[in-house]
Amino acid sequence: MANKLNDLDPKTWLKFQKSWFIHNPPPRKKGVIRHPAKFPETLAQEFIEFFTKRGECVLDPMAGTGSSLVAALRSGRNSYGIELNPSYAQISRDVLLEEKTTLGLDQETNKLVAEVIEGDARLAGEYSIPNVDYVFTSPPYWDMLHAKGAENQKKRRESEQLDVIYSDDPNDVGNCHDYDQFLAQLVTIYAGLRPLLREKAYLTIIVKNVKKGGKIYPLAWDLARELGRIYTLKDEKIWLQDNQPLAPFGLGSAWVSNTFHHYCLQFRKD
């Protein structure tokens, strides 16, 4: 039977269908460590290779420092990324140029598009992006980078070279402090991508439920519910990290978990 979705053999296909997986990201390179929440290229590549064939087109509307585009290059896919922060957009371009050099600049790689658009994801339909075969992205986890108590954030504040938040831009959804407004903005952004996607194209969103002020905001579940009215919610995978140190949150007084998992939500344009 012909494989219409990807170029994988049956064994690799079956392995990816497992509903949970462990992935501990490798150390970040010096050039991209400035970004406060960089996504691992190694993980993105696994998803891209499952949901597309070589030569197809991948879009990340919140590209950051270009992880999804690097993964697409390594996979032999064309890619477009939209990034609001001019500094991150330039870092992405530099990283992609370096990646092409690393890959050897062979004839096939040279033909691949890996374009970073400095702009607002809300305006995706206004940019010169061709039909998209797959969207792979991860949004800000609400405004949690503004939280001052996180140990990682304290360390970043002590360094003048590391960003604590994505940007000061009011159009940056990571700066929206009202949860309902933040959720609505995300839904608007992802709904706006629909005209760019070919029929039956998939959209993967990596997201996490958020703890704030002593309660959980079910961001992953809310996003699944709201976007499920626009796309078909097909499935979820749980990304687990098992190399994180445990912290004694609430020790001796209250239940506060150490959260080391993310939801990988799979939608399809039907």
C-alpha atoms as a PDB file:
ATOM      1  CA  MET A   1       0.000   0.000   0.000  1.00  0.00           C
ATOM      2  CA  ALA A   2       1.332   3.421  -0.950  1.00  0.00           C
ATOM      3  CA  ASN A   3       2.355   5.722   1.898  1.00  0.00           C
ATOM      4  CA  LYS A   4       0.556   9.007   1.215  1.00  0.00           C
ATOM      5  CA  LEU A   5       1.691  10.825   4.365  1.00  0.00           C
ATOM      6  CA  ASN A   6       5.451  10.412   4.722  1.00  0.00           C
ATOM      7  CA  ASP A   7       8.597   8.590   3.617  1.00  0.00           C
ATOM      8  CA  LEU A   8       8.901   6.361   6.693  1.00  0.00           C
ATOM      9  CA  ASP A   9       9.115   2.592   6.777  1.00  0.00           C
ATOM     10  CA  PRO A  10       6.360   0.716   8.683  1.00  0.00           C
ATOM     11  CA  LYS A  11       8.556   0.076  11.737  1.00  0.00           C
ATOM     12  CA  THR A  12       9.392   3.779  12.180  1.00  0.00           C
ATOM     13  CA  TRP A  13       5.750   4.733  11.556  1.00  0.00           C
ATOM     14  CA  LEU A  14       4.558   2.346  14.254  1.00  0.00           C
ATOM     15  CA  LYS A  15       7.130   3.605  16.782  1.00  0.00           C
ATOM     16  CA  PHE A  16       5.957   7.202  16.315  1.00  0.00           C
ATOM     17  CA  GLN A  17       2.346   6.190  17.012  1.00  0.00           C
ATOM     18  CA  LYS A  18       3.153   5.633  20.680  1.00  0.00           C
ATOM     19  CA  SER A  19       1.125   8.156  22.694  1.00  0.00           C
ATOM     20  CA  TRP A  20       4.058   9.239  24.872  1.00  0.00           C
ATOM     21  CA  PHE A  21       7.785   9.623  24.424  1.00  0.00           C
ATOM     22  CA  ILE A  22      10.852  10.776  26.350  1.00  0.00           C
ATOM     23  CA  HIS A  23      13.001  13.445  24.769  1.00  0.00           C
ATOM     24  CA  ASN A  24      15.708  15.292  26.658  1.00  0.00           C
ATOM     25  CA  PRO A  25      16.965  18.184  24.494  1.00  0.00           C
ATOM     26  CA  PRO A  26      20.707  18.368  23.770  1.00  0.00           C
ATOM     27  CA  PRO A  27      22.680  21.398  25.064  1.00  0.00           C
ATOM     28  CA  ARG A  28      21.891  24.651  23.297  1.00  0.00           C
ATOM     29  CA  LYS A  29      24.456  26.330  21.071  1.00  0.00           C
ATOM     30  CA  LYS A  30      25.901  29.645  22.197  1.00  0.00           C
ATOM     31  CA  GLY A  31      24.274  31.617  19.381  1.00  0.00           C
ATOM     32  CA  VAL A  32      20.696  30.676  20.301  1.00  0.00           C
ATOM     33  CA  ILE A  33      20.904  30.467  24.102  1.00  0.00           C
ATOM     34  CA  ARG A  34      19.803  34.110  24.254  1.00  0.00           C
ATOM     35  CA  HIS A  35      16.231  32.978  23.515  1.00  0.00           C
ATOM     36  CA  PRO A  36      14.457  32.131  26.821  1.00  0.00           C
ATOM     37  CA  ALA A  37      12.516  29.104  25.569  1.00  0.00           C
ATOM     38  CA  LYS A  38      14.198  27.594  22.519  1.00  0.00           C
ATOM     39  CA  PHE A  39      12.658  24.455  21.047  1.00  0.00           C
ATOM     40  CA  PRO A  40      14.810  21.348  20.327  1.00  0.00           C
ATOM     41  CA  GLU A  41      15.434  20.754  16.607  1.00  0.00           C
ATOM     42  CA  THR A  42      15.800  17.041  17.243  1.00  0.00           C
ATOM     43  CA  LEU A  43      12.204  16.773  18.445  1.00  0.00           C
ATOM     44  CA  ALA A  44      10.835  18.972  15.653  1.00  0.00           C
ATOM     45  CA  GLN A  45      12.546  16.794  13.061  1.00  0.00           C
ATOM     46  CA  GLU A  46      10.732  13.662  14.240  1.00  0.00           C
ATOM     47  CA  PHE A  47       7.352  15.328  13.795  1.00  0.00           C
ATOM     48  CA  ILE A  48       8.228  16.909  10.465  1.00  0.00           C
ATOM     49  CA  GLU A  49       9.411  13.592   9.062  1.00  0.00           C
ATOM     50  CA  PHE A  50       6.193  11.886  10.142  1.00  0.00           C
ATOM     51  CA  PHE A  51       3.704  14.449   8.838  1.00  0.00           C
ATOM     52  CA  THR A  52       5.395  15.367   5.527  1.00  0.00           C
ATOM     53  CA  LYS A  53       7.312  13.967   2.587  1.00  0.00           C
ATOM     54  CA  ARG A  54      10.641  15.261   1.299  1.00  0.00           C
ATOM     55  CA  GLY A  55      10.258  18.480  -0.667  1.00  0.00           C
ATOM     56  CA  GLU A  56       7.005  19.512   1.031  1.00  0.00           C
ATOM     57  CA  CYS A  57       6.478  22.763   2.915  1.00  0.00           C
ATOM     58  CA  VAL A  58       6.530  23.373   6.692  1.00  0.00           C
ATOM     59  CA  LEU A  59       5.421  26.562   8.470  1.00  0.00           C
ATOM     60  CA  ASP A  60       6.185  27.785  11.979  1.00  0.00           C
ATOM     61  CA  PRO A  61       4.245  31.004  12.693  1.00  0.00           C
ATOM     62  CA  MET A  62       6.232  31.639  15.893  1.00  0.00           C
ATOM     63  CA  ALA A  63       9.685  30.701  14.696  1.00  0.00           C
ATOM     64  CA  GLY A  64      11.846  32.009  17.552  1.00  0.00           C
ATOM     65  CA  THR A  65      15.458  31.246  16.678  1.00  0.00           C
ATOM     66  CA  GLY A  66      14.508  28.893  13.861  1.00  0.00           C
ATOM     67  CA  SER A  67      14.425  25.408  15.387  1.00  0.00           C
ATOM     68  CA  SER A  68      11.570  24.186  13.174  1.00  0.00           C
ATOM     69  CA  LEU A  69      13.237  25.540  10.043  1.00  0.00           C
ATOM     70  CA  VAL A  70      16.549  23.890  10.913  1.00  0.00           C
ATOM     71  CA  ALA A  71      14.712  20.601  11.446  1.00  0.00           C
ATOM     72  CA  ALA A  72      12.980  21.025   8.094  1.00  0.00           C
ATOM     73  CA  LEU A  73      16.320  21.598   6.356  1.00  0.00           C
ATOM     74  CA  ARG A  74      17.765  18.462   7.925  1.00  0.00           C
ATOM     75  CA  SER A  75      14.684  16.572   6.742  1.00  0.00           C
ATOM     76  CA  GLY A  76      14.841  17.841   3.168  1.00  0.00           C
ATOM     77  CA  ARG A  77      11.709  19.994   3.478  1.00  0.00           C
ATOM     78  CA  ASN A  78      11.036  23.592   2.493  1.00  0.00           C
ATOM     79  CA  SER A  79      10.139  25.885   5.365  1.00  0.00           C
ATOM     80  CA  TYR A  80       8.854  29.315   6.314  1.00  0.00           C
ATOM     81  CA  GLY A  81       8.949  30.929   9.718  1.00  0.00           C
ATOM     82  CA  ILE A  82       7.330  34.102  11.020  1.00  0.00           C
ATOM     83  CA  GLU A  83       9.056  35.882  13.899  1.00  0.00           C
ATOM     84  CA  LEU A  84       8.002  39.123  15.595  1.00  0.00           C
ATOM     85  CA  ASN A  85      11.323  39.866  17.318  1.00  0.00           C
ATOM     86  CA  PRO A  86      13.846  41.296  14.797  1.00  0.00           C
ATOM     87  CA  SER A  87      16.815  39.970  16.800  1.00  0.00           C
ATOM     88  CA  TYR A  88      15.478  36.404  16.806  1.00  0.00           C
ATOM     89  CA  ALA A  89      14.619  36.640  13.114  1.00  0.00           C
ATOM     90  CA  GLN A  90      18.240  37.546  12.363  1.00  0.00           C
ATOM     91  CA  ILE A  91      19.554  34.802  14.632  1.00  0.00           C
ATOM     92  CA  SER A  92      17.334  32.370  12.695  1.00  0.00           C
ATOM     93  CA  ARG A  93      18.783  33.497   9.374  1.00  0.00           C
ATOM     94  CA  ASP A  94      22.330  33.129  10.703  1.00  0.00           C
ATOM     95  CA  VAL A  95      21.566  29.685  12.127  1.00  0.00           C
ATOM     96  CA  LEU A  96      20.013  28.526   8.848  1.00  0.00           C
ATOM     97  CA  LEU A  97      23.001  29.735   6.851  1.00  0.00           C
ATOM     98  CA  GLU A  98      25.305  27.843   9.203  1.00  0.00           C
ATOM     99  CA  GLU A  99      23.102  24.746   8.942  1.00  0.00           C
ATOM    100  CA  LYS A 100      23.237  24.792   5.155  1.00  0.00           C
ATOM    101  CA  THR A 101      27.018  24.972   5.358  1.00  0.00           C
ATOM    102  CA  THR A 102      27.059  22.073   7.823  1.00  0.00           C
ATOM    103  CA  LEU A 103      24.840  20.022   5.515  1.00  0.00           C
ATOM    104  CA  GLY A 104      27.368  20.554   2.753  1.00  0.00           C
ATOM    105  CA  LEU A 105      25.393  22.842   0.483  1.00  0.00           C
ATOM    106  CA  ASP A 106      24.658  19.941  -1.859  1.00  0.00           C
ATOM    107  CA  GLN A 107      22.422  20.478  -4.863  1.00  0.00           C
ATOM    108  CA  GLU A 108      19.262  19.239  -3.156  1.00  0.00           C
ATOM    109  CA  THR A 109      19.822  21.365  -0.038  1.00  0.00           C
ATOM    110  CA  ASN A 110      20.541  24.429  -2.149  1.00  0.00           C
ATOM    111  CA  LYS A 111      17.114  24.129  -3.754  1.00  0.00           C
ATOM    112  CA  LEU A 112      15.309  24.080  -0.428  1.00  0.00           C
ATOM    113  CA  VAL A 113      13.587  27.235   0.787  1.00  0.00           C
ATOM    114  CA  ALA A 114      14.235  28.182   4.418  1.00  0.00           C
ATOM    115  CA  GLU A 115      12.822  31.666   4.771  1.00  0.00           C
ATOM    116  CA  VAL A 116      12.372  33.732   7.919  1.00  0.00           C
ATOM    117  CA  ILE A 117       9.755  36.465   7.711  1.00  0.00           C
ATOM    118  CA  GLU A 118      10.070  39.257  10.239  1.00  0.00           C
ATOM    119  CA  GLY A 119       6.458  39.988  11.053  1.00  0.00           C
ATOM    120  CA  ASP A 120       3.312  39.226  13.020  1.00  0.00           C
ATOM    121  CA  ALA A 121       1.775  35.740  12.911  1.00  0.00           C
ATOM    122  CA  ARG A 122      -1.658  37.378  12.845  1.00  0.00           C
ATOM    123  CA  LEU A 123      -0.804  38.600   9.339  1.00  0.00           C
ATOM    124  CA  ALA A 124       0.386  35.239   7.996  1.00  0.00           C
ATOM    125  CA  GLY A 125      -2.075  35.378   5.110  1.00  0.00           C
ATOM    126  CA  GLU A 126      -0.556  38.650   3.880  1.00  0.00           C
ATOM    127  CA  TYR A 127       2.955  37.267   3.432  1.00  0.00           C
ATOM    128  CA  SER A 128       4.156  35.435   0.326  1.00  0.00           C
ATOM    129  CA  ILE A 129       3.845  31.942   1.755  1.00  0.00           C
ATOM    130  CA  PRO A 130       2.841  29.144  -0.659  1.00  0.00           C
ATOM    131  CA  ASN A 131       0.498  26.293   0.200  1.00  0.00           C
ATOM    132  CA  VAL A 132       1.639  24.686   3.426  1.00  0.00           C
ATOM    133  CA  ASP A 133       1.752  20.916   3.983  1.00  0.00           C
ATOM    134  CA  TYR A 134       2.343  21.034   7.738  1.00  0.00           C
ATOM    135  CA  VAL A 135       2.440  23.497  10.623  1.00  0.00           C
ATOM    136  CA  PHE A 136       4.722  22.754  13.555  1.00  0.00           C
ATOM    137  CA  THR A 137       4.863  25.320  16.338  1.00  0.00           C
ATOM    138  CA  SER A 138       4.907  26.060  20.041  1.00  0.00           C
ATOM    139  CA  PRO A 139       3.352  29.220  21.486  1.00  0.00           C
ATOM    140  CA  PRO A 140       4.408  31.148  24.592  1.00  0.00           C
ATOM    141  CA  TYR A 141       3.109  29.418  27.695  1.00  0.00           C
ATOM    142  CA  TRP A 142       0.988  32.469  28.495  1.00  0.00           C
ATOM    143  CA  ASP A 143       2.998  35.156  30.385  1.00  0.00           C
ATOM    144  CA  MET A 144       4.998  32.729  32.516  1.00  0.00           C
ATOM    145  CA  LEU A 145       8.330  34.199  31.419  1.00  0.00           C
ATOM    146  CA  HIS A 146       7.327  37.281  33.423  1.00  0.00           C
ATOM    147  CA  ALA A 147       7.237  35.191  36.616  1.00  0.00           C
ATOM    148  CA  LYS A 148      10.087  36.319  38.859  1.00  0.00           C
ATOM    149  CA  GLY A 149      10.225  33.299  41.131  1.00  0.00           C
ATOM    150  CA  ALA A 150      11.498  30.705  38.670  1.00  0.00           C
ATOM    151  CA  GLU A 151      15.108  29.734  39.336  1.00  0.00           C
ATOM    152  CA  ASN A 152      15.929  29.679  35.638  1.00  0.00           C
ATOM    153  CA  GLN A 153      14.568  33.203  35.249  1.00  0.00           C
ATOM    154  CA  LYS A 154      16.691  34.450  38.178  1.00  0.00           C
ATOM    155  CA  LYS A 155      19.824  33.168  36.465  1.00  0.00           C
ATOM    156  CA  ARG A 156      18.864  34.784  33.188  1.00  0.00           C
ATOM    157  CA  ARG A 157      18.251  38.140  34.902  1.00  0.00           C
ATOM    158  CA  GLU A 158      21.786  38.054  36.211  1.00  0.00           C
ATOM    159  CA  SER A 159      23.147  37.873  32.671  1.00  0.00           C
ATOM    160  CA  GLU A 160      23.034  40.903  30.397  1.00  0.00           C
ATOM    161  CA  GLN A 161      23.316  38.645  27.342  1.00  0.00           C
ATOM    162  CA  LEU A 162      20.278  36.442  27.985  1.00  0.00           C
ATOM    163  CA  ASP A 163      16.681  37.486  27.380  1.00  0.00           C
ATOM    164  CA  VAL A 164      14.141  36.919  30.131  1.00  0.00           C
ATOM    165  CA  ILE A 165      11.065  37.503  27.960  1.00  0.00           C
ATOM    166  CA  TYR A 166      10.555  37.205  24.217  1.00  0.00           C
ATOM    167  CA  SER A 167      10.175  40.934  23.591  1.00  0.00           C
ATOM    168  CA  ASP A 168       8.655  44.196  24.818  1.00  0.00           C
ATOM    169  CA  ASP A 169       6.362  44.351  21.790  1.00  0.00           C
ATOM    170  CA  PRO A 170       2.692  44.789  22.798  1.00  0.00           C
ATOM    171  CA  ASN A 171       1.762  42.524  19.864  1.00  0.00           C
ATOM    172  CA  ASP A 172       3.724  39.692  21.475  1.00  0.00           C
ATOM    173  CA  VAL A 173       1.105  37.316  22.923  1.00  0.00           C
ATOM    174  CA  GLY A 174       3.605  36.360  25.639  1.00  0.00           C
ATOM    175  CA  ASN A 175       3.056  39.829  27.093  1.00  0.00           C
ATOM    176  CA  CYS A 176      -0.715  39.415  27.451  1.00  0.00           C
ATOM    177  CA  HIS A 177      -1.487  39.015  31.168  1.00  0.00           C
ATOM    178  CA  ASP A 178      -5.197  38.214  30.877  1.00  0.00           C
ATOM    179  CA  TYR A 179      -5.591  34.474  30.332  1.00  0.00           C
ATOM    180  CA  ASP A 180      -8.846  34.582  28.358  1.00  0.00           C
ATOM    181  CA  GLN A 181      -7.501  37.292  26.067  1.00  0.00           C
ATOM    182  CA  PHE A 182      -4.266  35.351  25.594  1.00  0.00           C
ATOM    183  CA  LEU A 183      -6.175  32.195  24.657  1.00  0.00           C
ATOM    184  CA  ALA A 184      -8.383  34.119  22.229  1.00  0.00           C
ATOM    185  CA  GLN A 185      -5.323  35.638  20.541  1.00  0.00           C
ATOM    186  CA  LEU A 186      -3.731  32.214  20.072  1.00  0.00           C
ATOM    187  CA  VAL A 187      -6.915  30.809  18.585  1.00  0.00           C
ATOM    188  CA  THR A 188      -7.136  33.766  16.192  1.00  0.00           C
ATOM    189  CA  ILE A 189      -3.541  33.244  15.061  1.00  0.00           C
ATOM    190  CA  TYR A 190      -3.928  29.520  14.432  1.00  0.00           C
ATOM    191  CA  ALA A 191      -7.343  29.904  12.800  1.00  0.00           C
ATOM    192  CA  GLY A 192      -5.799  32.467  10.448  1.00  0.00           C
ATOM    193  CA  LEU A 193      -3.408  29.827   9.120  1.00  0.00           C
ATOM    194  CA  ARG A 194      -6.229  27.679   7.762  1.00  0.00           C
ATOM    195  CA  PRO A 195      -6.341  29.282   4.278  1.00  0.00           C
ATOM    196  CA  LEU A 196      -2.611  28.583   3.862  1.00  0.00           C
ATOM    197  CA  LEU A 197      -2.932  24.861   4.603  1.00  0.00           C
ATOM    198  CA  ARG A 198      -3.715  22.341   1.915  1.00  0.00           C
ATOM    199  CA  GLU A 199      -6.625  19.979   2.530  1.00  0.00           C
ATOM    200  CA  LYS A 200      -5.841  17.190   5.020  1.00  0.00           C
ATOM    201  CA  ALA A 201      -2.707  19.013   6.203  1.00  0.00           C
ATOM    202  CA  TYR A 202      -1.786  18.570   9.864  1.00  0.00           C
ATOM    203  CA  LEU A 203      -0.990  21.176  12.474  1.00  0.00           C
ATOM    204  CA  THR A 204       1.020  20.237  15.580  1.00  0.00           C
ATOM    205  CA  ILE A 205       1.084  22.549  18.585  1.00  0.00           C
ATOM    206  CA  ILE A 206       3.437  21.822  21.489  1.00  0.00           C
ATOM    207  CA  VAL A 207       1.938  23.332  24.621  1.00  0.00           C
ATOM    208  CA  LYS A 208       1.711  22.941  28.359  1.00  0.00           C
ATOM    209  CA  ASN A 209      -0.846  23.599  31.071  1.00  0.00           C
ATOM    210  CA  VAL A 210       0.238  26.532  33.219  1.00  0.00           C
ATOM    211  CA  LYS A 211       0.529  26.908  36.993  1.00  0.00           C
ATOM    212  CA  LYS A 212       0.034  30.413  38.303  1.00  0.00           C
ATOM    213  CA  GLY A 213      -1.139  31.870  41.595  1.00  0.00           C
ATOM    214  CA  GLY A 214      -1.744  28.498  43.203  1.00  0.00           C
ATOM    215  CA  LYS A 215      -3.962  27.086  40.443  1.00  0.00           C
ATOM    216  CA  ILE A 216      -3.731  25.405  37.054  1.00  0.00           C
ATOM    217  CA  TYR A 217      -4.779  27.135  33.858  1.00  0.00           C
ATOM    218  CA  PRO A 218      -5.483  24.291  31.396  1.00  0.00           C
ATOM    219  CA  LEU A 219      -3.922  25.962  28.373  1.00  0.00           C
ATOM    220  CA  ALA A 220      -3.396  22.739  26.423  1.00  0.00           C
ATOM    221  CA  TRP A 221      -6.948  21.537  27.027  1.00  0.00           C
ATOM    222  CA  ASP A 222      -8.521  24.940  26.350  1.00  0.00           C
ATOM    223  CA  LEU A 223      -6.575  25.290  23.123  1.00  0.00           C
ATOM    224  CA  ALA A 224      -7.600  21.795  22.052  1.00  0.00           C
ATOM    225  CA  ARG A 225     -11.267  22.604  22.741  1.00  0.00           C
ATOM    226  CA  GLU A 226     -11.284  25.970  20.964  1.00  0.00           C
ATOM    227  CA  LEU A 227      -9.224  24.956  17.932  1.00  0.00           C
ATOM    228  CA  GLY A 228     -11.224  21.736  17.696  1.00  0.00           C
ATOM    229  CA  ARG A 229     -14.055  23.911  16.401  1.00  0.00           C
ATOM    230  CA  ILE A 230     -11.863  25.095  13.500  1.00  0.00           C
ATOM    231  CA  TYR A 231      -9.758  22.023  12.752  1.00  0.00           C
ATOM    232  CA  THR A 232     -10.294  18.354  13.500  1.00  0.00           C
ATOM    233  CA  LEU A 233      -8.537  17.448  16.750  1.00  0.00           C
ATOM    234  CA  LYS A 234      -6.990  14.115  15.823  1.00  0.00           C
ATOM    235  CA  ASP A 235      -4.824  13.115  18.743  1.00  0.00           C
ATOM    236  CA  GLU A 236      -2.254  13.998  21.347  1.00  0.00           C
ATOM    237  CA  LYS A 237       1.221  12.801  22.250  1.00  0.00           C
ATOM    238  CA  ILE A 238       2.814  13.436  25.632  1.00  0.00           C
ATOM    239  CA  TRP A 239       6.402  14.672  25.591  1.00  0.00           C
ATOM    240  CA  LEU A 240       8.195  13.687  28.801  1.00  0.00           C
ATOM    241  CA  GLN A 241      11.507  14.942  30.158  1.00  0.00           C
ATOM    242  CA  ASP A 242      13.193  12.750  32.764  1.00  0.00           C
ATOM    243  CA  ASN A 243      16.485  14.606  33.253  1.00  0.00           C
ATOM    244  CA  GLN A 244      15.143  17.596  35.206  1.00  0.00           C
ATOM    245  CA  PRO A 245      16.045  18.065  38.901  1.00  0.00           C
ATOM    246  CA  LEU A 246      13.174  17.844  41.376  1.00  0.00           C
ATOM    247  CA  ALA A 247      12.317  20.914  43.459  1.00  0.00           C
ATOM    248  CA  PRO A 248      10.623  20.694  46.898  1.00  0.00           C
ATOM    249  CA  PHE A 249       7.554  22.740  45.947  1.00  0.00           C
ATOM    250  CA  GLY A 250       5.038  22.840  48.807  1.00  0.00           C
ATOM    251  CA  LEU A 251       7.036  20.347  50.841  1.00  0.00           C
ATOM    252  CA  GLY A 252       5.288  19.561  54.102  1.00  0.00           C
ATOM    253  CA  SER A 253       2.264  21.757  53.433  1.00  0.00           C
ATOM    254  CA  ALA A 254       0.643  21.378  50.007  1.00  0.00           C
ATOM    255  CA  TRP A 255       0.601  19.344  46.800  1.00  0.00           C
ATOM    256  CA  VAL A 256       2.588  21.067  44.047  1.00  0.00           C
ATOM    257  CA  SER A 257       3.906  18.824  41.305  1.00  0.00           C
ATOM    258  CA  ASN A 258       7.128  19.066  39.352  1.00  0.00           C
ATOM    259  CA  THR A 259       5.756  19.279  35.811  1.00  0.00           C
ATOM    260  CA  PHE A 260       8.014  17.699  33.218  1.00  0.00           C
ATOM    261  CA  HIS A 261       5.588  16.998  30.388  1.00  0.00           C
ATOM    262  CA  HIS A 262       4.135  18.829  27.394  1.00  0.00           C
ATOM    263  CA  TYR A 263       1.168  18.080  25.158  1.00  0.00           C
ATOM    264  CA  CYS A 264       1.732  17.632  21.433  1.00  0.00           C
ATOM    265  CA  LEU A 265      -1.705  18.356  19.974  1.00  0.00           C
ATOM    266  CA  GLN A 266      -2.409  17.104  16.449  1.00  0.00           C
ATOM    267  CA  PHE A 267      -5.034  18.892  14.352  1.00  0.00           C
ATOM    268  CA  ARG A 268      -6.007  18.394  10.716  1.00  0.00           C
ATOM    269  CA  LYS A 269      -7.661  20.630   8.156  1.00  0.00           C
ATOM    270  CA  ASP A 270     -10.707  18.665   6.967  1.00  0.00           C
END
